[in-house]
Amino acid sequence: MIRRTRVAKTGEVKVTFSLPQSEPAGSVSVVGDFNDWTPGKHVLARRANGTRSVSVTLQAGSQAHFRYLGEHGHWFDDGDADAIDADGSSIRA
């Protein structure tokens, strides 16, 4: 699941990436142009509601490309993204 929340003071958009705790198993990070495609920089953390999530802040109206990276080099896309192509998922903030 991807949730967008406008930050009133700055006009930026907080984007929260969320996945079930157990699918896929192991550690997962969101990797994209917002973090220079650096694995491990935005690791999804376990939440009490049975999910794991991480948030990033983007400029309103910007577009971001990303993918998830799981254990053992398992790359995957988010079906809730605005678009998915050969380069991965994309969202508009």
Protein backbone atom coordinates (compact mmCIF):
# COMPACT_ATOMS: atom_id res chain seq x y z
CA MET A 1 0.00 0.00 0.00
CA ILE A 2 1.17 3.52 -0.75
CA ARG A 3 -0.23 6.45 1.23
CA ARG A 4 0.34 10.13 0.45
CA THR A 5 -0.04 12.89 3.06
CA ARG A 6 0.48 16.57 2.28
CA VAL A 7 2.76 18.33 4.77
CA ALA A 8 0.87 21.59 5.43
CA LYS A 9 3.85 23.72 6.50
CA THR A 10 6.09 22.92 3.53
CA GLY A 11 3.69 21.83 0.78
CA GLU A 12 5.73 18.64 0.41
CA VAL A 13 4.16 15.19 0.35
CA LYS A 14 5.01 12.40 2.80
CA VAL A 15 4.80 9.08 0.96
CA THR A 16 4.46 5.98 3.14
CA PHE A 17 5.30 2.59 1.63
CA SER A 18 3.69 -0.32 3.49
CA LEU A 19 3.81 -4.11 3.11
CA PRO A 20 2.58 -7.07 5.19
CA GLN A 21 5.09 -8.14 7.87
CA SER A 22 5.67 -11.59 6.39
CA GLU A 23 5.43 -11.09 2.62
CA PRO A 24 8.07 -11.32 1.47
CA ALA A 25 9.95 -12.81 4.39
CA GLY A 26 13.00 -10.99 5.72
CA SER A 27 14.20 -7.43 5.47
CA VAL A 28 12.87 -5.14 2.71
CA SER A 29 13.92 -1.64 1.73
CA VAL A 30 12.43 0.81 -0.72
CA VAL A 31 15.03 1.98 -3.20
CA GLY A 32 14.50 4.78 -5.70
CA ASP A 33 15.62 8.00 -7.26
CA PHE A 34 14.71 9.80 -4.00
CA ASN A 35 17.59 8.02 -2.23
CA ASP A 36 20.00 7.63 -5.16
CA TRP A 37 18.99 3.96 -5.47
CA THR A 38 20.85 3.17 -2.24
CA PRO A 39 19.78 -0.22 -0.78
CA GLY A 40 19.23 -0.23 2.98
CA LYS A 41 18.71 3.53 3.29
CA HIS A 42 14.91 3.23 3.74
CA VAL A 43 14.24 -0.12 5.43
CA LEU A 44 10.62 -0.95 6.18
CA ALA A 45 10.12 -1.22 9.97
CA ARG A 46 7.62 -3.52 11.69
CA ARG A 47 4.47 -1.85 13.01
CA ALA A 48 2.00 -3.00 15.69
CA ASN A 49 -0.81 -3.23 13.11
CA GLY A 50 0.76 -6.20 11.31
CA THR A 51 2.50 -4.24 8.58
CA ARG A 52 5.94 -2.79 8.02
CA SER A 53 6.48 0.63 6.53
CA VAL A 54 8.80 3.53 5.83
CA SER A 55 8.12 7.12 4.73
CA VAL A 56 9.95 9.53 2.45
CA THR A 57 9.22 13.19 1.76
CA LEU A 58 8.90 14.35 -1.84
CA GLN A 59 8.23 17.67 -3.54
CA ALA A 60 4.53 18.07 -4.35
CA GLY A 61 3.87 17.29 -8.01
CA SER A 62 7.14 15.41 -8.47
CA GLN A 63 7.39 11.90 -9.88
CA ALA A 64 9.48 9.21 -8.18
CA HIS A 65 10.68 5.88 -9.54
CA PHE A 66 11.30 3.04 -7.07
CA ARG A 67 11.42 -0.69 -6.42
CA TYR A 68 11.53 -2.83 -3.30
CA LEU A 69 14.62 -4.86 -2.50
CA GLY A 70 14.15 -7.95 -0.37
CA GLU A 71 16.66 -10.44 0.94
CA HIS A 72 18.90 -12.36 -1.45
CA GLY A 73 18.66 -9.64 -4.11
CA HIS A 74 14.91 -10.09 -4.69
CA TRP A 75 13.67 -6.94 -6.51
CA PHE A 76 9.91 -6.38 -6.84
CA ASP A 77 7.38 -3.68 -7.70
CA ASP A 78 4.32 -2.31 -5.91
CA GLY A 79 0.95 -3.03 -7.50
CA ASP A 80 -0.40 0.15 -5.86
CA ALA A 81 2.06 2.35 -7.79
CA ASP A 82 0.69 4.83 -10.32
CA ALA A 83 2.58 2.97 -13.06
CA ILE A 84 4.88 -0.01 -13.51
CA ASP A 85 7.22 -0.40 -16.48
CA ALA A 86 10.54 -2.06 -17.32
CA ASP A 87 12.35 0.36 -14.97
CA GLY A 88 10.09 -0.43 -11.98
CA SER A 89 7.30 1.41 -10.17
CA SER A 90 6.54 5.12 -10.27
CA ILE A 91 4.35 7.46 -8.24
CA ARG A 92 3.40 11.11 -8.43
CA ALA A 93 3.61 13.03 -5.16
